[in-house]
Amino acid sequence: MRVLMEAVKASPTAKAGFERAARELGKSVGTVAQKYYLLQRTAGTTRTRVTKRAAGARSAGAARAGKARDAVAGTTPTELAVLTTEELARLAGMLRKEIDRRQGELMQLARSLGQRS
């Protein structure tokens, strides 16, 4: 561990430090880098990366809900009539999950607004 930490601190870049430590330890550079970051995380010296979604990006749940809405939105009553029972049940389940998710969000928002008053 000490060899790894000293190699990284003494090098101009972390990559160069990983390469040096890998040579000294007889390990691959990837293994050494992984060990270094694991040690850093355990020591609490690294921060968790927070990423922002691109404009218009949706969560996986929102994407599934969008597919459910899209599946119904352009469908005529005649087309709905020929769907199998299994397809209708699957569609109803997707819509129920979306409704439950949105109700949960509204309840959470209402609680947070109630706490601010």
PDB file of N, CA and C in Angstrom:
ATOM      1  N   MET A   1       0.829  -1.192   0.000  1.00  0.00           N
ATOM      2  CA  MET A   1       0.000   0.000   0.000  1.00  0.00           C
ATOM      3  C   MET A   1       0.873   1.256   0.000  1.00  0.00           C
ATOM      4  N   ARG A   2       1.884   1.243   0.820  1.00  0.00           N
ATOM      5  CA  ARG A   2       2.750   2.407   0.919  1.00  0.00           C
ATOM      6  C   ARG A   2       3.452   2.683  -0.407  1.00  0.00           C
ATOM      7  N   VAL A   3       3.916   1.618  -1.077  1.00  0.00           N
ATOM      8  CA  VAL A   3       4.588   1.770  -2.370  1.00  0.00           C
ATOM      9  C   VAL A   3       3.650   2.448  -3.358  1.00  0.00           C
ATOM     10  N   LEU A   4       2.434   2.009  -3.376  1.00  0.00           N
ATOM     11  CA  LEU A   4       1.435   2.565  -4.286  1.00  0.00           C
ATOM     12  C   LEU A   4       1.179   4.037  -3.988  1.00  0.00           C
ATOM     13  N   MET A   5       0.927   4.366  -2.746  1.00  0.00           N
ATOM     14  CA  MET A   5       0.610   5.751  -2.381  1.00  0.00           C
ATOM     15  C   MET A   5       1.793   6.668  -2.672  1.00  0.00           C
ATOM     16  N   GLU A   6       3.004   6.237  -2.345  1.00  0.00           N
ATOM     17  CA  GLU A   6       4.192   7.059  -2.583  1.00  0.00           C
ATOM     18  C   GLU A   6       4.446   7.236  -4.073  1.00  0.00           C
ATOM     19  N   ALA A   7       4.231   6.181  -4.855  1.00  0.00           N
ATOM     20  CA  ALA A   7       4.447   6.264  -6.295  1.00  0.00           C
ATOM     21  C   ALA A   7       3.508   7.281  -6.931  1.00  0.00           C
ATOM     22  N   VAL A   8       2.266   7.277  -6.506  1.00  0.00           N
ATOM     23  CA  VAL A   8       1.285   8.211  -7.078  1.00  0.00           C
ATOM     24  C   VAL A   8       1.594   9.642  -6.641  1.00  0.00           C
ATOM     25  N   LYS A   9       1.948   9.834  -5.373  1.00  0.00           N
ATOM     26  CA  LYS A   9       2.247  11.184  -4.882  1.00  0.00           C
ATOM     27  C   LYS A   9       3.515  11.756  -5.516  1.00  0.00           C
ATOM     28  N   ALA A  10       4.494  10.903  -5.784  1.00  0.00           N
ATOM     29  CA  ALA A  10       5.770  11.375  -6.324  1.00  0.00           C
ATOM     30  C   ALA A  10       5.732  11.591  -7.834  1.00  0.00           C
ATOM     31  N   SER A  11       4.714  11.112  -8.493  1.00  0.00           N
ATOM     32  CA  SER A  11       4.637  11.211  -9.953  1.00  0.00           C
ATOM     33  C   SER A  11       3.871  12.447 -10.376  1.00  0.00           C
ATOM     34  N   PRO A  12       4.186  12.951 -11.586  1.00  0.00           N
ATOM     35  CA  PRO A  12       3.474  14.140 -12.075  1.00  0.00           C
ATOM     36  C   PRO A  12       1.995  13.872 -12.348  1.00  0.00           C
ATOM     37  N   THR A  13       1.671  12.640 -12.729  1.00  0.00           N
ATOM     38  CA  THR A  13       0.267  12.282 -12.959  1.00  0.00           C
ATOM     39  C   THR A  13      -0.034  10.979 -12.240  1.00  0.00           C
ATOM     40  N   ALA A  14      -1.294  10.747 -11.972  1.00  0.00           N
ATOM     41  CA  ALA A  14      -1.691   9.499 -11.308  1.00  0.00           C
ATOM     42  C   ALA A  14      -1.347   8.309 -12.201  1.00  0.00           C
ATOM     43  N   LYS A  15      -1.555   8.468 -13.505  1.00  0.00           N
ATOM     44  CA  LYS A  15      -1.275   7.375 -14.440  1.00  0.00           C
ATOM     45  C   LYS A  15       0.188   6.959 -14.368  1.00  0.00           C
ATOM     46  N   ALA A  16       1.088   7.944 -14.348  1.00  0.00           N
ATOM     47  CA  ALA A  16       2.515   7.633 -14.248  1.00  0.00           C
ATOM     48  C   ALA A  16       2.819   6.931 -12.928  1.00  0.00           C
ATOM     49  N   GLY A  17       2.170   7.349 -11.866  1.00  0.00           N
ATOM     50  CA  GLY A  17       2.342   6.704 -10.574  1.00  0.00           C
ATOM     51  C   GLY A  17       1.844   5.273 -10.582  1.00  0.00           C
ATOM     52  N   PHE A  18       0.724   5.036 -11.246  1.00  0.00           N
ATOM     53  CA  PHE A  18       0.192   3.681 -11.349  1.00  0.00           C
ATOM     54  C   PHE A  18       1.154   2.787 -12.129  1.00  0.00           C
ATOM     55  N   GLU A  19       1.708   3.332 -13.220  1.00  0.00           N
ATOM     56  CA  GLU A  19       2.649   2.558 -14.029  1.00  0.00           C
ATOM     57  C   GLU A  19       3.891   2.208 -13.222  1.00  0.00           C
ATOM     58  N   ARG A  20       4.401   3.175 -12.474  1.00  0.00           N
ATOM     59  CA  ARG A  20       5.594   2.939 -11.656  1.00  0.00           C
ATOM     60  C   ARG A  20       5.315   1.885 -10.578  1.00  0.00           C
ATOM     61  N   ALA A  21       4.184   2.036  -9.880  1.00  0.00           N
ATOM     62  CA  ALA A  21       3.835   1.081  -8.834  1.00  0.00           C
ATOM     63  C   ALA A  21       3.587  -0.308  -9.422  1.00  0.00           C
ATOM     64  N   ALA A  22       2.983  -0.375 -10.605  1.00  0.00           N
ATOM     65  CA  ALA A  22       2.728  -1.664 -11.248  1.00  0.00           C
ATOM     66  C   ALA A  22       4.034  -2.385 -11.547  1.00  0.00           C
ATOM     67  N   ARG A  23       5.027  -1.637 -12.040  1.00  0.00           N
ATOM     68  CA  ARG A  23       6.347  -2.241 -12.306  1.00  0.00           C
ATOM     69  C   ARG A  23       6.965  -2.760 -11.013  1.00  0.00           C
ATOM     70  N   GLU A  24       6.906  -1.955  -9.964  1.00  0.00           N
ATOM     71  CA  GLU A  24       7.530  -2.338  -8.696  1.00  0.00           C
ATOM     72  C   GLU A  24       6.815  -3.525  -8.040  1.00  0.00           C
ATOM     73  N   LEU A  25       5.498  -3.574  -8.187  1.00  0.00           N
ATOM     74  CA  LEU A  25       4.726  -4.628  -7.536  1.00  0.00           C
ATOM     75  C   LEU A  25       4.512  -5.858  -8.410  1.00  0.00           C
ATOM     76  N   GLY A  26       4.830  -5.733  -9.708  1.00  0.00           N
ATOM     77  CA  GLY A  26       4.621  -6.856 -10.614  1.00  0.00           C
ATOM     78  C   GLY A  26       3.157  -7.100 -10.912  1.00  0.00           C
ATOM     79  N   LYS A  27       2.359  -6.044 -10.908  1.00  0.00           N
ATOM     80  CA  LYS A  27       0.919  -6.140 -11.172  1.00  0.00           C
ATOM     81  C   LYS A  27       0.584  -5.345 -12.426  1.00  0.00           C
ATOM     82  N   SER A  28      -0.645  -5.511 -12.906  1.00  0.00           N
ATOM     83  CA  SER A  28      -1.067  -4.720 -14.059  1.00  0.00           C
ATOM     84  C   SER A  28      -1.420  -3.299 -13.606  1.00  0.00           C
ATOM     85  N   VAL A  29      -1.347  -2.375 -14.547  1.00  0.00           N
ATOM     86  CA  VAL A  29      -1.646  -0.974 -14.240  1.00  0.00           C
ATOM     87  C   VAL A  29      -3.102  -0.831 -13.784  1.00  0.00           C
ATOM     88  N   GLY A  30      -4.013  -1.549 -14.430  1.00  0.00           N
ATOM     89  CA  GLY A  30      -5.431  -1.482 -14.058  1.00  0.00           C
ATOM     90  C   GLY A  30      -5.680  -1.971 -12.640  1.00  0.00           C
ATOM     91  N   THR A  31      -5.008  -3.046 -12.257  1.00  0.00           N
ATOM     92  CA  THR A  31      -5.157  -3.575 -10.908  1.00  0.00           C
ATOM     93  C   THR A  31      -4.653  -2.576  -9.879  1.00  0.00           C
ATOM     94  N   VAL A  32      -3.518  -1.952 -10.198  1.00  0.00           N
ATOM     95  CA  VAL A  32      -2.932  -0.974  -9.279  1.00  0.00           C
ATOM     96  C   VAL A  32      -3.848   0.242  -9.147  1.00  0.00           C
ATOM     97  N   ALA A  33      -4.377   0.722 -10.262  1.00  0.00           N
ATOM     98  CA  ALA A  33      -5.273   1.883 -10.227  1.00  0.00           C
ATOM     99  C   ALA A  33      -6.532   1.564  -9.426  1.00  0.00           C
ATOM    100  N   GLN A  34      -7.072   0.381  -9.655  1.00  0.00           N
ATOM    101  CA  GLN A  34      -8.273  -0.016  -8.923  1.00  0.00           C
ATOM    102  C   GLN A  34      -7.994  -0.067  -7.421  1.00  0.00           C
ATOM    103  N   LYS A  35      -6.869  -0.622  -7.044  1.00  0.00           N
ATOM    104  CA  LYS A  35      -6.497  -0.712  -5.632  1.00  0.00           C
ATOM    105  C   LYS A  35      -6.327   0.689  -5.033  1.00  0.00           C
ATOM    106  N   TYR A  36      -5.696   1.578  -5.775  1.00  0.00           N
ATOM    107  CA  TYR A  36      -5.475   2.946  -5.299  1.00  0.00           C
ATOM    108  C   TYR A  36      -6.808   3.635  -4.992  1.00  0.00           C
ATOM    109  N   TYR A  37      -7.737   3.574  -5.940  1.00  0.00           N
ATOM    110  CA  TYR A  37      -9.011   4.246  -5.742  1.00  0.00           C
ATOM    111  C   TYR A  37      -9.844   3.571  -4.654  1.00  0.00           C
ATOM    112  N   LEU A  38      -9.706   2.265  -4.512  1.00  0.00           N
ATOM    113  CA  LEU A  38     -10.380   1.572  -3.423  1.00  0.00           C
ATOM    114  C   LEU A  38      -9.836   2.052  -2.079  1.00  0.00           C
ATOM    115  N   LEU A  39      -8.512   2.190  -1.984  1.00  0.00           N
ATOM    116  CA  LEU A  39      -7.900   2.697  -0.759  1.00  0.00           C
ATOM    117  C   LEU A  39      -8.340   4.130  -0.475  1.00  0.00           C
ATOM    118  N   GLN A  40      -8.404   4.952  -1.510  1.00  0.00           N
ATOM    119  CA  GLN A  40      -8.832   6.338  -1.345  1.00  0.00           C
ATOM    120  C   GLN A  40     -10.278   6.409  -0.854  1.00  0.00           C
ATOM    121  N   ARG A  41     -11.128   5.580  -1.452  1.00  0.00           N
ATOM    122  CA  ARG A  41     -12.539   5.592  -1.056  1.00  0.00           C
ATOM    123  C   ARG A  41     -12.699   5.111   0.379  1.00  0.00           C
ATOM    124  N   THR A  42     -11.939   4.069   0.748  1.00  0.00           N
ATOM    125  CA  THR A  42     -11.998   3.544   2.111  1.00  0.00           C
ATOM    126  C   THR A  42     -11.526   4.593   3.113  1.00  0.00           C
ATOM    127  N   ALA A  43     -10.500   5.353   2.723  1.00  0.00           N
ATOM    128  CA  ALA A  43      -9.968   6.387   3.607  1.00  0.00           C
ATOM    129  C   ALA A  43     -10.878   7.612   3.638  1.00  0.00           C
ATOM    130  N   GLY A  44     -11.827   7.674   2.707  1.00  0.00           N
ATOM    131  CA  GLY A  44     -12.757   8.801   2.669  1.00  0.00           C
ATOM    132  C   GLY A  44     -12.172  10.051   2.049  1.00  0.00           C
ATOM    133  N   THR A  45     -11.160   9.904   1.214  1.00  0.00           N
ATOM    134  CA  THR A  45     -10.534  11.084   0.624  1.00  0.00           C
ATOM    135  C   THR A  45     -11.019  11.373  -0.788  1.00  0.00           C
ATOM    136  N   THR A  46     -11.902  10.541  -1.332  1.00  0.00           N
ATOM    137  CA  THR A  46     -12.450  10.822  -2.648  1.00  0.00           C
ATOM    138  C   THR A  46     -13.908  11.206  -2.506  1.00  0.00           C
ATOM    139  N   ARG A  47     -14.383  11.962  -3.458  1.00  0.00           N
ATOM    140  CA  ARG A  47     -15.784  12.359  -3.454  1.00  0.00           C
ATOM    141  C   ARG A  47     -16.533  11.561  -4.503  1.00  0.00           C
ATOM    142  N   THR A  48     -17.801  11.365  -4.262  1.00  0.00           N
ATOM    143  CA  THR A  48     -18.643  10.684  -5.232  1.00  0.00           C
ATOM    144  C   THR A  48     -18.935  11.654  -6.361  1.00  0.00           C
ATOM    145  N   ARG A  49     -18.796  11.196  -7.566  1.00  0.00           N
ATOM    146  CA  ARG A  49     -19.047  12.048  -8.725  1.00  0.00           C
ATOM    147  C   ARG A  49     -20.551  12.197  -8.922  1.00  0.00           C
ATOM    148  N   VAL A  50     -20.984  13.416  -9.065  1.00  0.00           N
ATOM    149  CA  VAL A  50     -22.390  13.697  -9.332  1.00  0.00           C
ATOM    150  C   VAL A  50     -22.480  14.141 -10.778  1.00  0.00           C
ATOM    151  N   THR A  51     -23.281  13.447 -11.534  1.00  0.00           N
ATOM    152  CA  THR A  51     -23.419  13.790 -12.940  1.00  0.00           C
ATOM    153  C   THR A  51     -24.781  14.410 -13.182  1.00  0.00           C
ATOM    154  N   LYS A  52     -24.834  15.288 -14.131  1.00  0.00           N
ATOM    155  CA  LYS A  52     -26.102  15.913 -14.507  1.00  0.00           C
ATOM    156  C   LYS A  52     -26.616  15.219 -15.757  1.00  0.00           C
ATOM    157  N   ARG A  53     -27.910  15.106 -15.832  1.00  0.00           N
ATOM    158  CA  ARG A  53     -28.506  14.538 -17.033  1.00  0.00           C
ATOM    159  C   ARG A  53     -28.506  15.596 -18.124  1.00  0.00           C
ATOM    160  N   ALA A  54     -28.359  15.140 -19.324  1.00  0.00           N
ATOM    161  CA  ALA A  54     -28.461  16.038 -20.461  1.00  0.00           C
ATOM    162  C   ALA A  54     -29.896  16.550 -20.541  1.00  0.00           C
ATOM    163  N   ALA A  55     -30.036  17.716 -21.119  1.00  0.00           N
ATOM    164  CA  ALA A  55     -31.379  18.281 -21.263  1.00  0.00           C
ATOM    165  C   ALA A  55     -32.248  17.305 -22.032  1.00  0.00           C
ATOM    166  N   GLY A  56     -33.392  17.017 -21.495  1.00  0.00           N
ATOM    167  CA  GLY A  56     -34.319  16.106 -22.155  1.00  0.00           C
ATOM    168  C   GLY A  56     -34.117  14.649 -21.793  1.00  0.00           C
ATOM    169  N   ALA A  57     -33.053  14.328 -21.061  1.00  0.00           N
ATOM    170  CA  ALA A  57     -32.817  12.931 -20.675  1.00  0.00           C
ATOM    171  C   ALA A  57     -33.832  12.527 -19.616  1.00  0.00           C
ATOM    172  N   ARG A  58     -34.234  11.268 -19.654  1.00  0.00           N
ATOM    173  CA  ARG A  58     -35.216  10.785 -18.699  1.00  0.00           C
ATOM    174  C   ARG A  58     -34.655   9.597 -17.941  1.00  0.00           C
ATOM    175  N   SER A  59     -35.172   9.395 -16.747  1.00  0.00           N
ATOM    176  CA  SER A  59     -34.787   8.222 -15.974  1.00  0.00           C
ATOM    177  C   SER A  59     -35.364   6.985 -16.656  1.00  0.00           C
ATOM    178  N   ALA A  60     -34.883   5.827 -16.252  1.00  0.00           N
ATOM    179  CA  ALA A  60     -35.373   4.580 -16.844  1.00  0.00           C
ATOM    180  C   ALA A  60     -36.870   4.424 -16.597  1.00  0.00           C
ATOM    181  N   GLY A  61     -37.330   4.782 -15.388  1.00  0.00           N
ATOM    182  CA  GLY A  61     -38.751   4.682 -15.075  1.00  0.00           C
ATOM    183  C   GLY A  61     -39.588   5.603 -15.944  1.00  0.00           C
ATOM    184  N   ALA A  62     -39.096   6.813 -16.133  1.00  0.00           N
ATOM    185  CA  ALA A  62     -39.825   7.762 -16.977  1.00  0.00           C
ATOM    186  C   ALA A  62     -39.849   7.286 -18.422  1.00  0.00           C
ATOM    187  N   ALA A  63     -38.762   6.668 -18.858  1.00  0.00           N
ATOM    188  CA  ALA A  63     -38.711   6.157 -20.225  1.00  0.00           C
ATOM    189  C   ALA A  63     -39.728   5.028 -20.407  1.00  0.00           C
ATOM    190  N   ARG A  64     -39.824   4.134 -19.404  1.00  0.00           N
ATOM    191  CA  ARG A  64     -40.807   3.046 -19.490  1.00  0.00           C
ATOM    192  C   ARG A  64     -42.224   3.609 -19.497  1.00  0.00           C
ATOM    193  N   ALA A  65     -42.465   4.609 -18.659  1.00  0.00           N
ATOM    194  CA  ALA A  65     -43.794   5.212 -18.603  1.00  0.00           C
ATOM    195  C   ALA A  65     -44.122   5.879 -19.934  1.00  0.00           C
ATOM    196  N   GLY A  66     -43.132   6.515 -20.527  1.00  0.00           N
ATOM    197  CA  GLY A  66     -43.332   7.145 -21.830  1.00  0.00           C
ATOM    198  C   GLY A  66     -43.700   6.122 -22.889  1.00  0.00           C
ATOM    199  N   LYS A  67     -43.066   4.953 -22.824  1.00  0.00           N
ATOM    200  CA  LYS A  67     -43.391   3.890 -23.777  1.00  0.00           C
ATOM    201  C   LYS A  67     -44.821   3.423 -23.583  1.00  0.00           C
ATOM    202  N   ALA A  68     -45.237   3.337 -22.318  1.00  0.00           N
ATOM    203  CA  ALA A  68     -46.613   2.916 -22.041  1.00  0.00           C
ATOM    204  C   ALA A  68     -47.595   3.934 -22.596  1.00  0.00           C
ATOM    205  N   ARG A  69     -47.316   5.217 -22.360  1.00  0.00           N
ATOM    206  CA  ARG A  69     -48.192   6.277 -22.886  1.00  0.00           C
ATOM    207  C   ARG A  69     -48.207   6.248 -24.402  1.00  0.00           C
ATOM    208  N   ASP A  70     -47.033   6.097 -25.000  1.00  0.00           N
ATOM    209  CA  ASP A  70     -46.943   6.083 -26.452  1.00  0.00           C
ATOM    210  C   ASP A  70     -47.689   4.893 -27.047  1.00  0.00           C
ATOM    211  N   ALA A  71     -47.674   3.783 -26.315  1.00  0.00           N
ATOM    212  CA  ALA A  71     -48.352   2.587 -26.804  1.00  0.00           C
ATOM    213  C   ALA A  71     -49.855   2.803 -26.886  1.00  0.00           C
ATOM    214  N   VAL A  72     -50.399   3.629 -26.012  1.00  0.00           N
ATOM    215  CA  VAL A  72     -51.832   3.865 -25.987  1.00  0.00           C
ATOM    216  C   VAL A  72     -52.211   5.099 -26.808  1.00  0.00           C
ATOM    217  N   ALA A  73     -51.368   6.119 -26.783  1.00  0.00           N
ATOM    218  CA  ALA A  73     -51.710   7.412 -27.359  1.00  0.00           C
ATOM    219  C   ALA A  73     -52.147   7.340 -28.822  1.00  0.00           C
ATOM    220  N   GLY A  74     -51.414   6.625 -29.637  1.00  0.00           N
ATOM    221  CA  GLY A  74     -51.746   6.591 -31.059  1.00  0.00           C
ATOM    222  C   GLY A  74     -52.592   5.404 -31.442  1.00  0.00           C
ATOM    223  N   THR A  75     -53.172   4.743 -30.474  1.00  0.00           N
ATOM    224  CA  THR A  75     -53.916   3.514 -30.742  1.00  0.00           C
ATOM    225  C   THR A  75     -55.404   3.818 -30.842  1.00  0.00           C
ATOM    226  N   THR A  76     -56.002   3.358 -31.907  1.00  0.00           N
ATOM    227  CA  THR A  76     -57.443   3.553 -32.079  1.00  0.00           C
ATOM    228  C   THR A  76     -58.183   2.483 -31.282  1.00  0.00           C
ATOM    229  N   PRO A  77     -59.465   2.731 -30.988  1.00  0.00           N
ATOM    230  CA  PRO A  77     -60.244   1.710 -30.267  1.00  0.00           C
ATOM    231  C   PRO A  77     -60.270   0.367 -30.998  1.00  0.00           C
ATOM    232  N   THR A  78     -60.285   0.409 -32.327  1.00  0.00           N
ATOM    233  CA  THR A  78     -60.293  -0.836 -33.098  1.00  0.00           C
ATOM    234  C   THR A  78     -58.993  -1.605 -32.890  1.00  0.00           C
ATOM    235  N   GLU A  79     -57.888  -0.867 -32.862  1.00  0.00           N
ATOM    236  CA  GLU A  79     -56.596  -1.510 -32.649  1.00  0.00           C
ATOM    237  C   GLU A  79     -56.495  -2.075 -31.236  1.00  0.00           C
ATOM    238  N   LEU A  80     -57.040  -1.352 -30.259  1.00  0.00           N
ATOM    239  CA  LEU A  80     -57.040  -1.852 -28.890  1.00  0.00           C
ATOM    240  C   LEU A  80     -57.852  -3.134 -28.773  1.00  0.00           C
ATOM    241  N   ALA A  81     -58.909  -3.249 -29.577  1.00  0.00           N
ATOM    242  CA  ALA A  81     -59.785  -4.414 -29.504  1.00  0.00           C
ATOM    243  C   ALA A  81     -59.063  -5.694 -29.910  1.00  0.00           C
ATOM    244  N   VAL A  82     -58.040  -5.583 -30.741  1.00  0.00           N
ATOM    245  CA  VAL A  82     -57.363  -6.797 -31.201  1.00  0.00           C
ATOM    246  C   VAL A  82     -56.146  -7.157 -30.352  1.00  0.00           C
ATOM    247  N   LEU A  83     -55.853  -6.348 -29.330  1.00  0.00           N
ATOM    248  CA  LEU A  83     -54.759  -6.693 -28.438  1.00  0.00           C
ATOM    249  C   LEU A  83     -55.138  -7.919 -27.622  1.00  0.00           C
ATOM    250  N   THR A  84     -54.158  -8.742 -27.348  1.00  0.00           N
ATOM    251  CA  THR A  84     -54.440  -9.923 -26.533  1.00  0.00           C
ATOM    252  C   THR A  84     -54.634  -9.507 -25.082  1.00  0.00           C
ATOM    253  N   THR A  85     -55.241 -10.383 -24.326  1.00  0.00           N
ATOM    254  CA  THR A  85     -55.460 -10.128 -22.903  1.00  0.00           C
ATOM    255  C   THR A  85     -54.129  -9.913 -22.199  1.00  0.00           C
ATOM    256  N   GLU A  86     -53.135 -10.698 -22.588  1.00  0.00           N
ATOM    257  CA  GLU A  86     -51.807 -10.574 -21.974  1.00  0.00           C
ATOM    258  C   GLU A  86     -51.194  -9.203 -22.257  1.00  0.00           C
ATOM    259  N   GLU A  87     -51.337  -8.723 -23.492  1.00  0.00           N
ATOM    260  CA  GLU A  87     -50.806  -7.408 -23.839  1.00  0.00           C
ATOM    261  C   GLU A  87     -51.520  -6.304 -23.065  1.00  0.00           C
ATOM    262  N   LEU A  88     -52.841  -6.426 -22.942  1.00  0.00           N
ATOM    263  CA  LEU A  88     -53.610  -5.443 -22.188  1.00  0.00           C
ATOM    264  C   LEU A  88     -53.227  -5.446 -20.713  1.00  0.00           C
ATOM    265  N   ALA A  89     -53.022  -6.623 -20.148  1.00  0.00           N
ATOM    266  CA  ALA A  89     -52.629  -6.725 -18.741  1.00  0.00           C
ATOM    267  C   ALA A  89     -51.243  -6.100 -18.531  1.00  0.00           C
ATOM    268  N   ARG A  90     -50.337  -6.349 -19.447  1.00  0.00           N
ATOM    269  CA  ARG A  90     -49.000  -5.768 -19.347  1.00  0.00           C
ATOM    270  C   ARG A  90     -49.080  -4.244 -19.440  1.00  0.00           C
ATOM    271  N   LEU A  91     -49.865  -3.755 -20.375  1.00  0.00           N
ATOM    272  CA  LEU A  91     -50.037  -2.314 -20.547  1.00  0.00           C
ATOM    273  C   LEU A  91     -50.677  -1.690 -19.310  1.00  0.00           C
ATOM    274  N   ALA A  92     -51.685  -2.333 -18.763  1.00  0.00           N
ATOM    275  CA  ALA A  92     -52.344  -1.828 -17.560  1.00  0.00           C
ATOM    276  C   ALA A  92     -51.368  -1.801 -16.385  1.00  0.00           C
ATOM    277  N   GLY A  93     -50.535  -2.819 -16.283  1.00  0.00           N
ATOM    278  CA  GLY A  93     -49.523  -2.844 -15.216  1.00  0.00           C
ATOM    279  C   GLY A  93     -48.537  -1.702 -15.343  1.00  0.00           C
ATOM    280  N   MET A  94     -48.105  -1.424 -16.573  1.00  0.00           N
ATOM    281  CA  MET A  94     -47.166  -0.321 -16.789  1.00  0.00           C
ATOM    282  C   MET A  94     -47.813   1.010 -16.409  1.00  0.00           C
ATOM    283  N   LEU A  95     -49.058   1.189 -16.798  1.00  0.00           N
ATOM    284  CA  LEU A  95     -49.759   2.429 -16.474  1.00  0.00           C
ATOM    285  C   LEU A  95     -49.986   2.559 -14.963  1.00  0.00           C
ATOM    286  N   ARG A  96     -50.298   1.450 -14.284  1.00  0.00           N
ATOM    287  CA  ARG A  96     -50.498   1.483 -12.832  1.00  0.00           C
ATOM    288  C   ARG A  96     -49.209   1.893 -12.129  1.00  0.00           C
ATOM    289  N   LYS A  97     -48.075   1.346 -12.568  1.00  0.00           N
ATOM    290  CA  LYS A  97     -46.784   1.708 -11.977  1.00  0.00           C
ATOM    291  C   LYS A  97     -46.510   3.193 -12.161  1.00  0.00           C
ATOM    292  N   GLU A  98     -46.831   3.727 -13.338  1.00  0.00           N
ATOM    293  CA  GLU A  98     -46.610   5.144 -13.608  1.00  0.00           C
ATOM    294  C   GLU A  98     -47.493   6.003 -12.703  1.00  0.00           C
ATOM    295  N   ILE A  99     -48.749   5.610 -12.549  1.00  0.00           N
ATOM    296  CA  ILE A  99     -49.657   6.350 -11.668  1.00  0.00           C
ATOM    297  C   ILE A  99     -49.152   6.316 -10.232  1.00  0.00           C
ATOM    298  N   ASP A 100     -48.739   5.139  -9.763  1.00  0.00           N
ATOM    299  CA  ASP A 100     -48.226   5.010  -8.397  1.00  0.00           C
ATOM    300  C   ASP A 100     -46.974   5.858  -8.195  1.00  0.00           C
ATOM    301  N   ARG A 101     -46.088   5.854  -9.184  1.00  0.00           N
ATOM    302  CA  ARG A 101     -44.853   6.649  -9.081  1.00  0.00           C
ATOM    303  C   ARG A 101     -45.181   8.134  -8.970  1.00  0.00           C
ATOM    304  N   ARG A 102     -46.085   8.586  -9.809  1.00  0.00           N
ATOM    305  CA  ARG A 102     -46.447  10.009  -9.782  1.00  0.00           C
ATOM    306  C   ARG A 102     -47.181  10.393  -8.505  1.00  0.00           C
ATOM    307  N   GLN A 103     -48.020   9.513  -7.992  1.00  0.00           N
ATOM    308  CA  GLN A 103     -48.684   9.789  -6.721  1.00  0.00           C
ATOM    309  C   GLN A 103     -47.661   9.895  -5.597  1.00  0.00           C
ATOM    310  N   GLY A 104     -46.666   9.021  -5.625  1.00  0.00           N
ATOM    311  CA  GLY A 104     -45.605   9.070  -4.626  1.00  0.00           C
ATOM    312  C   GLY A 104     -44.840  10.379  -4.694  1.00  0.00           C
ATOM    313  N   GLU A 105     -44.545  10.837  -5.909  1.00  0.00           N
ATOM    314  CA  GLU A 105     -43.852  12.114  -6.072  1.00  0.00           C
ATOM    315  C   GLU A 105     -44.695  13.265  -5.537  1.00  0.00           C
ATOM    316  N   LEU A 106     -45.989  13.244  -5.823  1.00  0.00           N
ATOM    317  CA  LEU A 106     -46.876  14.304  -5.338  1.00  0.00           C
ATOM    318  C   LEU A 106     -46.965  14.304  -3.817  1.00  0.00           C
ATOM    319  N   MET A 107     -47.043  13.121  -3.228  1.00  0.00           N
ATOM    320  CA  MET A 107     -47.112  13.032  -1.771  1.00  0.00           C
ATOM    321  C   MET A 107     -45.814  13.536  -1.146  1.00  0.00           C
ATOM    322  N   GLN A 108     -44.696  13.183  -1.740  1.00  0.00           N
ATOM    323  CA  GLN A 108     -43.405  13.646  -1.235  1.00  0.00           C
ATOM    324  C   GLN A 108     -43.299  15.165  -1.352  1.00  0.00           C
ATOM    325  N   LEU A 109     -43.750  15.715  -2.444  1.00  0.00           N
ATOM    326  CA  LEU A 109     -43.741  17.158  -2.637  1.00  0.00           C
ATOM    327  C   LEU A 109     -44.647  17.842  -1.622  1.00  0.00           C
ATOM    328  N   ALA A 110     -45.828  17.273  -1.402  1.00  0.00           N
ATOM    329  CA  ALA A 110     -46.763  17.854  -0.444  1.00  0.00           C
ATOM    330  C   ALA A 110     -46.155  17.843   0.968  1.00  0.00           C
ATOM    331  N   ARG A 111     -45.483  16.740   1.327  1.00  0.00           N
ATOM    332  CA  ARG A 111     -44.832  16.680   2.653  1.00  0.00           C
ATOM    333  C   ARG A 111     -43.743  17.728   2.768  1.00  0.00           C
ATOM    334  N   SER A 112     -42.934  17.870   1.723  1.00  0.00           N
ATOM    335  CA  SER A 112     -41.841  18.835   1.798  1.00  0.00           C
ATOM    336  C   SER A 112     -42.380  20.274   1.841  1.00  0.00           C
ATOM    337  N   LEU A 113     -43.464  20.540   1.148  1.00  0.00           N
ATOM    338  CA  LEU A 113     -44.058  21.877   1.202  1.00  0.00           C
ATOM    339  C   LEU A 113     -44.707  22.120   2.557  1.00  0.00           C
ATOM    340  N   GLY A 114     -45.290  21.084   3.158  1.00  0.00           N
ATOM    341  CA  GLY A 114     -45.897  21.200   4.464  1.00  0.00           C
ATOM    342  C   GLY A 114     -44.865  21.475   5.548  1.00  0.00           C
ATOM    343  N   GLN A 115     -43.675  20.942   5.405  1.00  0.00           N
ATOM    344  CA  GLN A 115     -42.602  21.156   6.384  1.00  0.00           C
ATOM    345  C   GLN A 115     -42.059  22.572   6.297  1.00  0.00           C
ATOM    346  N   ARG A 116     -42.145  23.183   5.131  1.00  0.00           N
ATOM    347  CA  ARG A 116     -41.600  24.546   4.960  1.00  0.00           C
ATOM    348  C   ARG A 116     -42.524  25.605   5.515  1.00  0.00           C
ATOM    349  N   SER A 117     -43.797  25.288   5.624  1.00  0.00           N
ATOM    350  CA  SER A 117     -44.764  26.308   6.079  1.00  0.00           C
ATOM    351  C   SER A 117     -44.616  26.625   7.534  1.00  0.00           C
TER     352      SER A 117
END
